[in-house]
Amino acid sequence: MAAIRGGAGAALAPADHRQRLLVAMAELLAEQGYASVTVTDVVARARVSKRTFYQHFSDREECLLATYRVVAEGPLHLIAEAAGSVAGQGLPLREEVAALTGAYLAAMAEHPLLTRAMLTEPGSTGPAGRRARREVLRRFADQLVALASGVGGRSGARALSPELAQALVGGINELVLAAVESADREEVAAARIAEEILGLRDTVTELAVAVLARQDRRVP
């Protein structure tokens, strides 16, 4: 939850109140799932009033979707960091892709119960949730298009169209979703879900390499 957690002082500006509400929603989603979370729960965890809540969000669904968008910043940031760290190393395509997929999966495994909630809850809230999900997946696809362009110049990967990038992101998303849904919601589930997510590294790497590799050259 590093993407939404920040310093909390005694006197909070409106933006800090919003941040506390987002952190509270994220924590409650991880603990009990969206169906059980009420506005009363969120404001109690955030230590703000209901009036403050409604100054920022019209209802709990809007708070959920705002949390979803902000939480997605974490993996996007870590992928960008990983890309920067391997850019000058002259790695073969497979190794460079493995570094990026490893960063993504590590980010998803850091808070596994929250990851499960973020993958399963927004799409179940109706049209707004489905739009938010498409928006977030499109951001990952846009990042992938940009990364493929950089990797291509170094490792011989082909350029990706936005449509192909969306297909790849969707496939990876489904693999992670299957992994997080394989565990029951128990105290011991977090470690198990994290293990399942991290165990996808080879599969996700192979999938990405298969899409990125030019058909006329072998992948080292």
Protein backbone atom coordinates (compact mmCIF):
# COMPACT_ATOMS: atom_id res chain seq x y z
CA MET A 1 0.00 0.00 0.00
CA ALA A 2 3.01 2.23 -0.36
CA ALA A 3 1.39 4.00 -3.30
CA ILE A 4 -1.29 5.48 -1.04
CA ARG A 5 0.31 5.52 2.39
CA GLY A 6 2.09 8.65 3.52
CA GLY A 7 2.91 10.59 6.65
CA ALA A 8 0.00 11.37 8.93
CA GLY A 9 0.15 14.42 11.14
CA ALA A 10 -2.13 15.67 13.87
CA ALA A 11 -3.58 18.37 11.63
CA LEU A 12 -4.62 16.98 8.29
CA ALA A 13 -5.27 18.90 5.11
CA PRO A 14 -8.19 17.75 2.93
CA ALA A 15 -5.79 15.78 0.70
CA ASP A 16 -4.52 13.95 3.79
CA HIS A 17 -8.08 13.07 4.77
CA ARG A 18 -8.58 11.57 1.32
CA GLN A 19 -5.38 9.59 1.64
CA ARG A 20 -6.43 8.22 5.00
CA LEU A 21 -9.74 7.14 3.53
CA LEU A 22 -7.99 5.38 0.65
CA VAL A 23 -5.62 3.58 3.01
CA ALA A 24 -8.54 2.58 5.23
CA MET A 25 -10.49 1.20 2.27
CA ALA A 26 -7.43 -0.74 1.07
CA GLU A 27 -6.86 -2.27 4.50
CA LEU A 28 -10.51 -3.23 4.93
CA LEU A 29 -10.71 -4.73 1.45
CA ALA A 30 -7.72 -6.93 2.23
CA GLU A 31 -9.17 -7.97 5.58
CA GLN A 32 -12.82 -8.64 4.81
CA GLY A 33 -13.74 -7.98 1.16
CA TYR A 34 -15.85 -5.22 -0.35
CA ALA A 35 -19.26 -6.73 0.42
CA SER A 36 -18.59 -6.46 4.15
CA VAL A 37 -17.09 -2.95 4.13
CA THR A 38 -19.37 -0.06 5.11
CA VAL A 39 -18.80 3.68 5.08
CA THR A 40 -18.91 3.51 8.87
CA ASP A 41 -16.04 0.99 8.80
CA VAL A 42 -13.98 3.19 6.50
CA VAL A 43 -14.37 6.39 8.50
CA ALA A 44 -13.70 4.57 11.76
CA ARG A 45 -10.46 3.10 10.37
CA ALA A 46 -9.43 6.44 8.83
CA ARG A 47 -10.40 8.35 11.99
CA VAL A 48 -12.42 10.95 10.10
CA SER A 49 -16.10 11.84 10.10
CA LYS A 50 -18.75 10.67 7.67
CA ARG A 51 -19.11 14.28 6.59
CA THR A 52 -15.44 14.23 5.57
CA PHE A 53 -15.97 10.99 3.68
CA TYR A 54 -18.79 12.47 1.63
CA GLN A 55 -16.72 15.55 0.87
CA HIS A 56 -14.40 13.26 -1.09
CA PHE A 57 -16.60 10.40 -2.31
CA SER A 58 -20.26 10.12 -3.19
CA ASP A 59 -20.47 6.55 -1.88
CA ARG A 60 -18.32 3.55 -0.95
CA GLU A 61 -18.13 2.38 -4.59
CA GLU A 62 -16.45 5.62 -5.62
CA CYS A 63 -14.01 5.19 -2.72
CA LEU A 64 -13.31 1.61 -3.81
CA LEU A 65 -12.59 2.62 -7.41
CA ALA A 66 -10.38 5.52 -6.35
CA THR A 67 -8.44 3.08 -4.16
CA TYR A 68 -8.14 0.65 -7.07
CA ARG A 69 -6.68 3.31 -9.36
CA VAL A 70 -4.18 4.49 -6.77
CA VAL A 71 -3.09 0.99 -5.75
CA ALA A 72 -2.30 0.27 -9.42
CA GLU A 73 0.36 2.98 -9.28
CA GLY A 74 2.58 0.70 -7.17
CA PRO A 75 3.23 -2.01 -9.79
CA LEU A 76 3.46 0.57 -12.59
CA HIS A 77 6.14 2.44 -10.65
CA LEU A 78 8.13 -0.69 -9.81
CA ILE A 79 8.04 -1.90 -13.41
CA ALA A 80 9.36 1.47 -14.58
CA GLU A 81 12.13 1.30 -11.96
CA ALA A 82 13.10 -2.21 -13.06
CA ALA A 83 13.16 -1.11 -16.69
CA GLY A 84 15.50 1.73 -15.83
CA SER A 85 17.83 -0.54 -13.88
CA VAL A 86 18.30 -3.08 -16.71
CA ALA A 87 18.32 -0.63 -19.61
CA GLY A 88 22.10 -0.27 -19.81
CA GLN A 89 23.12 -3.83 -19.00
CA GLY A 90 22.92 -5.31 -22.49
CA LEU A 91 20.85 -8.28 -21.33
CA PRO A 92 19.30 -10.82 -23.71
CA LEU A 93 15.58 -10.39 -24.30
CA ARG A 94 14.55 -13.22 -21.98
CA GLU A 95 16.59 -11.87 -19.05
CA GLU A 96 15.34 -8.34 -19.52
CA VAL A 97 11.73 -9.51 -19.68
CA ALA A 98 12.27 -11.71 -16.61
CA ALA A 99 13.47 -8.67 -14.65
CA LEU A 100 10.33 -6.73 -15.58
CA THR A 101 7.91 -9.57 -14.91
CA GLY A 102 9.69 -10.26 -11.63
CA ALA A 103 9.18 -6.65 -10.55
CA TYR A 104 5.49 -6.78 -11.46
CA LEU A 105 4.84 -10.04 -9.65
CA ALA A 106 6.82 -8.94 -6.59
CA ALA A 107 4.63 -5.84 -6.38
CA MET A 108 1.49 -7.95 -6.63
CA ALA A 109 2.76 -10.40 -3.99
CA GLU A 110 3.73 -7.69 -1.49
CA HIS A 111 0.13 -7.34 -0.25
CA PRO A 112 -1.49 -10.53 -1.56
CA LEU A 113 -4.90 -10.15 0.07
CA LEU A 114 -5.19 -6.60 -1.23
CA THR A 115 -4.11 -7.83 -4.67
CA ARG A 116 -6.89 -10.41 -4.60
CA ALA A 117 -9.42 -7.76 -3.66
CA MET A 118 -8.20 -5.35 -6.32
CA LEU A 119 -8.43 -8.02 -9.01
CA THR A 120 -11.85 -9.32 -8.04
CA GLU A 121 -13.88 -6.51 -6.46
CA PRO A 122 -13.94 -3.51 -8.88
CA GLY A 123 -15.36 -5.43 -11.83
CA SER A 124 -18.27 -6.69 -9.72
CA THR A 125 -19.56 -3.21 -8.88
CA GLY A 126 -21.20 -2.52 -12.24
CA PRO A 127 -20.39 -0.33 -15.26
CA ALA A 128 -18.20 2.13 -13.32
CA GLY A 129 -16.11 -0.72 -11.96
CA ARG A 130 -15.69 -2.28 -15.38
CA ARG A 131 -14.63 1.09 -16.80
CA ALA A 132 -12.09 1.52 -14.01
CA ARG A 133 -10.72 -1.96 -14.65
CA ARG A 134 -10.35 -1.26 -18.38
CA GLU A 135 -8.69 2.06 -17.59
CA VAL A 136 -6.11 0.44 -15.31
CA LEU A 137 -5.39 -2.40 -17.73
CA ARG A 138 -4.98 0.15 -20.52
CA ARG A 139 -2.38 1.99 -18.43
CA PHE A 140 -0.41 -1.24 -18.08
CA ALA A 141 -0.77 -1.84 -21.82
CA ASP A 142 0.45 1.68 -22.62
CA GLN A 143 3.46 1.13 -20.38
CA LEU A 144 4.13 -2.19 -22.11
CA VAL A 145 4.07 -0.54 -25.55
CA ALA A 146 6.63 2.02 -24.38
CA LEU A 147 8.81 -0.62 -22.73
CA ALA A 148 8.71 -2.87 -25.78
CA SER A 149 9.96 0.02 -27.88
CA GLY A 150 12.95 0.45 -25.57
CA VAL A 151 13.63 -3.26 -25.26
CA GLY A 152 13.40 -3.65 -29.01
CA GLY A 153 16.26 -1.25 -29.55
CA ARG A 154 18.44 -3.23 -27.18
CA SER A 155 17.32 -6.85 -27.37
CA GLY A 156 15.63 -7.27 -30.73
CA ALA A 157 12.03 -7.31 -29.54
CA ARG A 158 9.34 -6.29 -31.97
CA ALA A 159 7.15 -3.25 -31.53
CA LEU A 160 3.77 -3.90 -29.94
CA SER A 161 0.50 -2.48 -31.15
CA PRO A 162 -1.85 -1.20 -28.42
CA GLU A 163 -4.20 -4.09 -29.18
CA LEU A 164 -1.48 -6.74 -28.81
CA ALA A 165 -0.27 -5.09 -25.62
CA GLN A 166 -3.82 -5.16 -24.22
CA ALA A 167 -4.08 -8.86 -25.08
CA LEU A 168 -0.81 -9.60 -23.31
CA VAL A 169 -1.77 -7.57 -20.23
CA GLY A 170 -5.16 -9.28 -20.14
CA GLY A 171 -3.54 -12.72 -20.32
CA ILE A 172 -1.13 -11.91 -17.49
CA ASN A 173 -3.99 -10.45 -15.44
CA GLU A 174 -5.96 -13.69 -15.82
CA LEU A 175 -2.97 -15.78 -14.71
CA VAL A 176 -2.56 -13.67 -11.57
CA LEU A 177 -6.31 -13.73 -10.94
CA ALA A 178 -6.35 -17.53 -11.14
CA ALA A 179 -3.45 -17.66 -8.69
CA VAL A 180 -5.04 -15.38 -6.10
CA GLU A 181 -8.42 -17.10 -6.33
CA SER A 182 -6.85 -20.50 -5.64
CA ALA A 183 -6.51 -19.77 -1.90
CA ASP A 184 -9.26 -19.42 0.68
CA ARG A 185 -9.60 -16.28 2.77
CA GLU A 186 -7.79 -17.45 5.91
CA GLU A 187 -5.02 -16.07 8.07
CA VAL A 188 -2.57 -18.40 6.36
CA ALA A 189 -3.81 -17.49 2.91
CA ALA A 190 -1.65 -14.39 2.44
CA ALA A 191 1.64 -16.30 2.30
CA ARG A 192 0.08 -18.93 0.08
CA ILE A 193 -1.28 -16.37 -2.36
CA ALA A 194 2.07 -14.59 -2.48
CA GLU A 195 3.78 -17.89 -3.26
CA GLU A 196 1.28 -18.59 -6.05
CA ILE A 197 1.85 -15.15 -7.57
CA LEU A 198 5.65 -15.36 -7.45
CA GLY A 199 5.45 -18.86 -8.92
CA LEU A 200 4.08 -17.36 -12.14
CA ARG A 201 7.39 -15.70 -13.06
CA ASP A 202 8.56 -18.33 -15.56
CA THR A 203 5.12 -18.64 -17.18
CA VAL A 204 4.61 -14.88 -17.49
CA THR A 205 8.15 -14.44 -18.82
CA GLU A 206 7.63 -17.14 -21.46
CA LEU A 207 4.32 -15.59 -22.49
CA ALA A 208 5.82 -12.11 -22.81
CA VAL A 209 8.87 -13.36 -24.70
CA ALA A 210 6.68 -15.32 -27.10
CA VAL A 211 4.76 -12.13 -27.89
CA LEU A 212 7.77 -9.81 -28.01
CA ALA A 213 10.24 -11.97 -29.92
CA ARG A 214 10.54 -11.32 -33.62
CA GLN A 215 9.58 -14.35 -35.61
CA ASP A 216 12.76 -14.23 -37.68
CA ARG A 217 15.22 -14.51 -34.80
CA ARG A 218 15.91 -16.92 -31.97
CA VAL A 219 15.54 -15.76 -28.40
CA PRO A 220 18.65 -16.37 -26.28
